[in-house]
Amino acid sequence: MSLIVMLEPFAVGFRIFGMNKVTVWYDGACPLCLREIGVMRRLDKKGVIDFVDVSDSADPKCPIDQAELLARFHAEEDGEIVSGAAAFAAMWRAIPLLRPLGLIARNRLVLGALEMLYIQFLKVRPQLQRLAR
């Protein structure tokens, strides 16, 4: 059984073989964020992700307030804006190497667990940023 067949139940409403354009808003003043985005840029060989640094100013194309964008990771996939673990999963789905993880995260139990981990990460993010400088 192929991986695509196994993951198909998680991919309802998603083009299995095509890559959707994804926009990611990130905090370019955050050393951790810069490292993460740097890795994602290198993995995004097809250039399907639009990475937008909102550390200096809000993106005029984004309806979300800059403070909210800086406080929590956001992405847009298929016209839907998502945040937290769902935003990471959207970004992963756009990168072939990470796509299986993004498809698995379509399962609400998996996404719920990832969101809980993300919330815990947000609590220690300031301390981790100080260490990363």
N, C-alpha and C. Protein backbone atom coordinates (compact mmCIF):
# COMPACT_ATOMS: atom_id res chain seq x y z
N MET A 1 0.85 -1.17 0.00
CA MET A 1 0.00 0.00 0.00
C MET A 1 0.89 1.23 0.00
N SER A 2 0.63 2.15 -0.90
CA SER A 2 1.47 3.34 -1.01
C SER A 2 1.13 4.36 0.10
N LEU A 3 2.08 5.23 0.37
CA LEU A 3 1.89 6.27 1.38
C LEU A 3 0.74 7.19 1.00
N ILE A 4 0.61 7.50 -0.28
CA ILE A 4 -0.47 8.40 -0.73
C ILE A 4 -1.83 7.77 -0.45
N VAL A 5 -1.97 6.48 -0.70
CA VAL A 5 -3.24 5.81 -0.44
C VAL A 5 -3.54 5.81 1.06
N MET A 6 -2.49 5.59 1.88
CA MET A 6 -2.69 5.57 3.33
C MET A 6 -3.08 6.94 3.87
N LEU A 7 -2.56 8.00 3.26
CA LEU A 7 -2.82 9.35 3.76
C LEU A 7 -4.05 9.98 3.13
N GLU A 8 -4.64 9.34 2.13
CA GLU A 8 -5.76 9.94 1.42
C GLU A 8 -6.91 10.36 2.34
N PRO A 9 -7.27 9.59 3.38
CA PRO A 9 -8.37 10.05 4.25
C PRO A 9 -8.09 11.39 4.92
N PHE A 10 -6.81 11.74 5.08
CA PHE A 10 -6.46 13.00 5.72
C PHE A 10 -6.46 14.15 4.72
N ALA A 11 -6.60 13.85 3.46
CA ALA A 11 -6.43 14.86 2.41
C ALA A 11 -7.74 15.25 1.75
N VAL A 12 -8.83 15.09 2.42
CA VAL A 12 -10.13 15.45 1.84
C VAL A 12 -10.12 16.92 1.44
N GLY A 13 -10.50 17.18 0.20
CA GLY A 13 -10.55 18.57 -0.27
C GLY A 13 -9.20 19.15 -0.61
N PHE A 14 -8.17 18.35 -0.69
CA PHE A 14 -6.83 18.84 -0.98
C PHE A 14 -6.28 18.13 -2.19
N ARG A 15 -5.63 18.87 -3.06
CA ARG A 15 -5.05 18.26 -4.25
C ARG A 15 -3.83 17.45 -3.84
N ILE A 16 -3.90 16.12 -3.97
CA ILE A 16 -2.82 15.24 -3.53
C ILE A 16 -1.52 15.52 -4.27
N PHE A 17 -1.57 15.65 -5.58
CA PHE A 17 -0.34 15.76 -6.35
C PHE A 17 0.06 17.20 -6.64
N GLY A 18 -0.85 18.14 -6.57
CA GLY A 18 -0.53 19.54 -6.84
C GLY A 18 -0.14 20.25 -5.56
N MET A 19 0.66 21.29 -5.71
CA MET A 19 1.05 22.08 -4.56
C MET A 19 0.27 23.38 -4.59
N ASN A 20 -0.41 23.68 -3.51
CA ASN A 20 -1.16 24.93 -3.41
C ASN A 20 -0.21 26.04 -2.98
N LYS A 21 -0.52 27.24 -3.42
CA LYS A 21 0.24 28.42 -3.00
C LYS A 21 -0.12 28.71 -1.54
N VAL A 22 0.88 28.95 -0.74
CA VAL A 22 0.70 29.22 0.68
C VAL A 22 1.42 30.51 1.02
N THR A 23 0.78 31.35 1.83
CA THR A 23 1.42 32.55 2.35
C THR A 23 1.66 32.33 3.83
N VAL A 24 2.87 32.66 4.27
CA VAL A 24 3.25 32.51 5.67
C VAL A 24 3.68 33.87 6.18
N TRP A 25 3.09 34.32 7.27
CA TRP A 25 3.50 35.57 7.92
C TRP A 25 4.33 35.21 9.13
N TYR A 26 5.52 35.80 9.25
CA TYR A 26 6.42 35.43 10.34
C TYR A 26 7.08 36.67 10.94
N ASP A 27 7.62 36.50 12.14
CA ASP A 27 8.29 37.57 12.87
C ASP A 27 9.77 37.54 12.52
N GLY A 28 10.18 38.42 11.63
CA GLY A 28 11.58 38.48 11.20
C GLY A 28 12.53 39.01 12.26
N ALA A 29 12.01 39.52 13.37
CA ALA A 29 12.86 39.98 14.47
C ALA A 29 13.11 38.87 15.48
N CYS A 30 12.50 37.73 15.28
CA CYS A 30 12.63 36.58 16.19
C CYS A 30 13.71 35.64 15.65
N PRO A 31 14.81 35.44 16.41
CA PRO A 31 15.88 34.57 15.93
C PRO A 31 15.42 33.14 15.67
N LEU A 32 14.54 32.62 16.51
CA LEU A 32 14.01 31.26 16.29
C LEU A 32 13.20 31.20 15.01
N CYS A 33 12.36 32.21 14.81
CA CYS A 33 11.53 32.26 13.60
C CYS A 33 12.39 32.34 12.35
N LEU A 34 13.43 33.16 12.40
CA LEU A 34 14.32 33.31 11.25
C LEU A 34 14.99 31.99 10.89
N ARG A 35 15.39 31.24 11.91
CA ARG A 35 16.02 29.93 11.65
C ARG A 35 15.02 28.97 11.03
N GLU A 36 13.83 28.92 11.60
CA GLU A 36 12.77 28.04 11.06
C GLU A 36 12.44 28.41 9.62
N ILE A 37 12.23 29.68 9.37
CA ILE A 37 11.88 30.13 8.01
C ILE A 37 13.04 29.87 7.05
N GLY A 38 14.27 30.03 7.53
CA GLY A 38 15.43 29.73 6.70
C GLY A 38 15.43 28.28 6.22
N VAL A 39 15.12 27.38 7.13
CA VAL A 39 15.04 25.95 6.77
C VAL A 39 13.91 25.74 5.77
N MET A 40 12.75 26.34 6.04
CA MET A 40 11.60 26.15 5.15
C MET A 40 11.87 26.73 3.75
N ARG A 41 12.56 27.86 3.69
CA ARG A 41 12.91 28.45 2.39
C ARG A 41 13.79 27.49 1.58
N ARG A 42 14.75 26.87 2.27
CA ARG A 42 15.63 25.93 1.57
C ARG A 42 14.86 24.70 1.09
N LEU A 43 13.89 24.26 1.87
CA LEU A 43 13.10 23.09 1.49
C LEU A 43 12.05 23.40 0.43
N ASP A 44 11.66 24.66 0.33
CA ASP A 44 10.64 25.09 -0.64
C ASP A 44 11.28 25.30 -2.01
N LYS A 45 11.73 24.23 -2.61
CA LYS A 45 12.46 24.29 -3.89
C LYS A 45 11.59 24.75 -5.05
N LYS A 46 10.27 24.56 -4.97
CA LYS A 46 9.36 24.97 -6.04
C LYS A 46 8.86 26.40 -5.86
N GLY A 47 9.19 27.02 -4.74
CA GLY A 47 8.80 28.40 -4.50
C GLY A 47 7.30 28.60 -4.36
N VAL A 48 6.61 27.64 -3.74
CA VAL A 48 5.16 27.76 -3.60
C VAL A 48 4.74 28.51 -2.33
N ILE A 49 5.71 28.81 -1.47
CA ILE A 49 5.39 29.53 -0.24
C ILE A 49 5.85 30.98 -0.37
N ASP A 50 4.94 31.89 -0.07
CA ASP A 50 5.25 33.32 -0.02
C ASP A 50 5.52 33.66 1.44
N PHE A 51 6.78 33.88 1.79
CA PHE A 51 7.17 34.21 3.16
C PHE A 51 7.12 35.72 3.33
N VAL A 52 6.33 36.21 4.29
CA VAL A 52 6.17 37.64 4.49
C VAL A 52 6.60 38.00 5.92
N ASP A 53 7.64 38.80 6.02
CA ASP A 53 8.14 39.28 7.31
C ASP A 53 7.25 40.44 7.76
N VAL A 54 6.62 40.29 8.92
CA VAL A 54 5.74 41.34 9.43
C VAL A 54 6.32 42.01 10.68
N SER A 55 7.62 41.87 10.89
CA SER A 55 8.21 42.44 12.10
C SER A 55 8.23 43.97 12.08
N ASP A 56 8.39 44.57 10.90
CA ASP A 56 8.44 46.04 10.80
C ASP A 56 7.08 46.66 10.52
N SER A 57 6.29 46.00 9.70
CA SER A 57 4.97 46.54 9.36
C SER A 57 4.04 45.41 8.96
N ALA A 58 2.76 45.68 9.06
CA ALA A 58 1.77 44.68 8.70
C ALA A 58 1.73 44.52 7.18
N ASP A 59 1.30 43.36 6.74
CA ASP A 59 1.13 43.10 5.31
C ASP A 59 -0.22 43.67 4.91
N PRO A 60 -0.25 44.63 3.98
CA PRO A 60 -1.53 45.24 3.59
C PRO A 60 -2.51 44.23 2.97
N LYS A 61 -2.00 43.09 2.48
CA LYS A 61 -2.88 42.07 1.91
C LYS A 61 -3.46 41.13 2.96
N CYS A 62 -3.01 41.27 4.21
CA CYS A 62 -3.48 40.39 5.28
C CYS A 62 -4.48 41.12 6.17
N PRO A 63 -5.64 40.52 6.41
CA PRO A 63 -6.66 41.18 7.24
C PRO A 63 -6.40 41.09 8.74
N ILE A 64 -5.31 40.45 9.13
CA ILE A 64 -5.03 40.27 10.55
C ILE A 64 -4.08 41.35 11.04
N ASP A 65 -4.36 41.85 12.23
CA ASP A 65 -3.57 42.88 12.88
C ASP A 65 -2.12 42.42 13.07
N GLN A 66 -1.17 43.35 12.91
CA GLN A 66 0.25 43.02 13.02
C GLN A 66 0.59 42.41 14.38
N ALA A 67 0.04 42.95 15.46
CA ALA A 67 0.33 42.42 16.79
C ALA A 67 -0.08 40.95 16.89
N GLU A 68 -1.22 40.61 16.32
CA GLU A 68 -1.67 39.21 16.33
C GLU A 68 -0.76 38.33 15.48
N LEU A 69 -0.31 38.87 14.34
CA LEU A 69 0.60 38.12 13.48
C LEU A 69 1.93 37.84 14.18
N LEU A 70 2.38 38.78 14.99
CA LEU A 70 3.64 38.60 15.71
C LEU A 70 3.50 37.68 16.92
N ALA A 71 2.32 37.61 17.48
CA ALA A 71 2.10 36.81 18.68
C ALA A 71 1.92 35.33 18.38
N ARG A 72 1.47 35.03 17.16
CA ARG A 72 1.11 33.65 16.82
C ARG A 72 1.38 33.44 15.32
N PHE A 73 1.89 32.28 14.97
CA PHE A 73 2.21 31.97 13.58
C PHE A 73 0.94 31.84 12.75
N HIS A 74 0.93 32.49 11.57
CA HIS A 74 -0.25 32.47 10.69
C HIS A 74 0.16 32.10 9.27
N ALA A 75 -0.77 31.46 8.57
CA ALA A 75 -0.56 31.13 7.15
C ALA A 75 -1.91 31.16 6.45
N GLU A 76 -1.84 31.31 5.14
CA GLU A 76 -3.06 31.25 4.32
C GLU A 76 -2.87 30.13 3.29
N GLU A 77 -3.85 29.23 3.26
CA GLU A 77 -3.84 28.11 2.32
C GLU A 77 -5.23 28.02 1.70
N ASP A 78 -5.29 28.01 0.39
CA ASP A 78 -6.58 27.92 -0.31
C ASP A 78 -7.55 29.01 0.12
N GLY A 79 -7.04 30.22 0.40
CA GLY A 79 -7.88 31.33 0.77
C GLY A 79 -8.32 31.34 2.23
N GLU A 80 -7.92 30.34 3.00
CA GLU A 80 -8.28 30.27 4.41
C GLU A 80 -7.07 30.61 5.27
N ILE A 81 -7.24 31.55 6.20
CA ILE A 81 -6.16 31.92 7.11
C ILE A 81 -6.27 31.06 8.36
N VAL A 82 -5.15 30.44 8.70
CA VAL A 82 -5.09 29.57 9.88
C VAL A 82 -3.91 30.02 10.74
N SER A 83 -3.91 29.60 12.00
CA SER A 83 -2.82 29.99 12.88
C SER A 83 -2.37 28.80 13.72
N GLY A 84 -1.24 29.00 14.40
CA GLY A 84 -0.72 27.97 15.28
C GLY A 84 -0.30 26.72 14.52
N ALA A 85 -0.62 25.57 15.10
CA ALA A 85 -0.24 24.29 14.50
C ALA A 85 -0.84 24.13 13.11
N ALA A 86 -2.04 24.62 12.90
CA ALA A 86 -2.68 24.52 11.58
C ALA A 86 -1.88 25.30 10.53
N ALA A 87 -1.26 26.41 10.93
CA ALA A 87 -0.43 27.18 10.00
C ALA A 87 0.85 26.43 9.66
N PHE A 88 1.45 25.79 10.65
CA PHE A 88 2.63 24.98 10.37
C PHE A 88 2.26 23.83 9.43
N ALA A 89 1.13 23.19 9.68
CA ALA A 89 0.70 22.06 8.85
C ALA A 89 0.46 22.52 7.41
N ALA A 90 -0.12 23.71 7.23
CA ALA A 90 -0.34 24.25 5.89
C ALA A 90 1.00 24.45 5.18
N MET A 91 1.98 24.97 5.90
CA MET A 91 3.31 25.18 5.33
C MET A 91 3.95 23.84 4.98
N TRP A 92 3.83 22.87 5.86
CA TRP A 92 4.40 21.55 5.60
C TRP A 92 3.79 20.90 4.36
N ARG A 93 2.48 21.07 4.17
CA ARG A 93 1.82 20.46 3.01
C ARG A 93 2.34 21.01 1.69
N ALA A 94 2.89 22.22 1.72
CA ALA A 94 3.41 22.85 0.50
C ALA A 94 4.83 22.39 0.16
N ILE A 95 5.48 21.70 1.09
CA ILE A 95 6.86 21.25 0.89
C ILE A 95 6.86 19.73 0.73
N PRO A 96 7.26 19.23 -0.43
CA PRO A 96 7.17 17.79 -0.68
C PRO A 96 7.76 16.91 0.43
N LEU A 97 8.91 17.26 0.96
CA LEU A 97 9.54 16.45 2.00
C LEU A 97 8.68 16.38 3.27
N LEU A 98 8.01 17.47 3.61
CA LEU A 98 7.21 17.54 4.84
C LEU A 98 5.72 17.29 4.61
N ARG A 99 5.34 17.15 3.36
CA ARG A 99 3.93 16.99 3.00
C ARG A 99 3.22 15.87 3.77
N PRO A 100 3.85 14.69 3.96
CA PRO A 100 3.16 13.65 4.73
C PRO A 100 2.79 14.11 6.14
N LEU A 101 3.67 14.87 6.80
CA LEU A 101 3.34 15.40 8.13
C LEU A 101 2.15 16.35 8.07
N GLY A 102 2.14 17.21 7.05
CA GLY A 102 1.03 18.15 6.88
C GLY A 102 -0.28 17.44 6.61
N LEU A 103 -0.23 16.35 5.85
CA LEU A 103 -1.46 15.59 5.57
C LEU A 103 -1.95 14.87 6.82
N ILE A 104 -1.03 14.31 7.59
CA ILE A 104 -1.41 13.65 8.84
C ILE A 104 -2.05 14.66 9.79
N ALA A 105 -1.55 15.91 9.77
CA ALA A 105 -2.08 16.95 10.65
C ALA A 105 -3.50 17.37 10.26
N ARG A 106 -4.01 16.91 9.14
CA ARG A 106 -5.42 17.18 8.80
C ARG A 106 -6.36 16.43 9.73
N ASN A 107 -5.85 15.39 10.36
CA ASN A 107 -6.65 14.66 11.35
C ASN A 107 -6.80 15.55 12.57
N ARG A 108 -8.04 15.78 13.00
CA ARG A 108 -8.25 16.76 14.08
C ARG A 108 -7.62 16.35 15.41
N LEU A 109 -7.47 15.04 15.67
CA LEU A 109 -6.80 14.62 16.91
C LEU A 109 -5.30 14.94 16.85
N VAL A 110 -4.71 14.67 15.71
CA VAL A 110 -3.29 14.99 15.53
C VAL A 110 -3.08 16.50 15.61
N LEU A 111 -3.93 17.25 14.91
CA LEU A 111 -3.81 18.70 14.93
C LEU A 111 -4.02 19.25 16.35
N GLY A 112 -4.95 18.68 17.07
CA GLY A 112 -5.19 19.10 18.46
C GLY A 112 -3.96 18.89 19.33
N ALA A 113 -3.31 17.75 19.17
CA ALA A 113 -2.09 17.47 19.94
C ALA A 113 -0.97 18.43 19.55
N LEU A 114 -0.83 18.69 18.24
CA LEU A 114 0.18 19.64 17.79
C LEU A 114 -0.10 21.05 18.31
N GLU A 115 -1.38 21.43 18.35
CA GLU A 115 -1.75 22.75 18.87
C GLU A 115 -1.40 22.87 20.35
N MET A 116 -1.63 21.82 21.11
CA MET A 116 -1.27 21.85 22.54
C MET A 116 0.24 22.04 22.70
N LEU A 117 1.02 21.35 21.87
CA LEU A 117 2.48 21.52 21.91
C LEU A 117 2.88 22.94 21.52
N TYR A 118 2.19 23.49 20.52
CA TYR A 118 2.49 24.85 20.08
C TYR A 118 2.20 25.86 21.19
N ILE A 119 1.11 25.69 21.89
CA ILE A 119 0.75 26.59 23.00
C ILE A 119 1.81 26.52 24.09
N GLN A 120 2.31 25.33 24.37
CA GLN A 120 3.38 25.19 25.37
C GLN A 120 4.66 25.88 24.88
N PHE A 121 4.95 25.73 23.59
CA PHE A 121 6.12 26.40 23.01
C PHE A 121 6.00 27.92 23.17
N LEU A 122 4.81 28.48 22.92
CA LEU A 122 4.63 29.93 23.03
C LEU A 122 4.96 30.43 24.43
N LYS A 123 4.73 29.61 25.44
CA LYS A 123 5.02 30.02 26.82
C LYS A 123 6.52 30.15 27.08
N VAL A 124 7.33 29.34 26.40
CA VAL A 124 8.78 29.38 26.63
C VAL A 124 9.52 30.11 25.50
N ARG A 125 8.78 30.57 24.50
CA ARG A 125 9.41 31.23 23.35
C ARG A 125 10.30 32.41 23.76
N PRO A 126 9.88 33.30 24.67
CA PRO A 126 10.76 34.43 25.03
C PRO A 126 12.11 33.97 25.60
N GLN A 127 12.10 32.95 26.44
CA GLN A 127 13.35 32.44 26.99
C GLN A 127 14.22 31.82 25.90
N LEU A 128 13.61 31.08 25.00
CA LEU A 128 14.35 30.46 23.89
C LEU A 128 14.92 31.51 22.96
N GLN A 129 14.19 32.61 22.76
CA GLN A 129 14.70 33.69 21.91
C GLN A 129 15.96 34.30 22.50
N ARG A 130 15.96 34.47 23.81
CA ARG A 130 17.16 35.03 24.46
C ARG A 130 18.37 34.10 24.28
N LEU A 131 18.14 32.82 24.35
CA LEU A 131 19.22 31.86 24.16
C LEU A 131 19.71 31.83 22.72
N ALA A 132 18.82 32.08 21.78
CA ALA A 132 19.16 32.00 20.35
C ALA A 132 19.91 33.23 19.85
N ARG A 133 19.91 34.29 20.60
CA ARG A 133 20.58 35.53 20.14
C ARG A 133 22.07 35.41 20.20
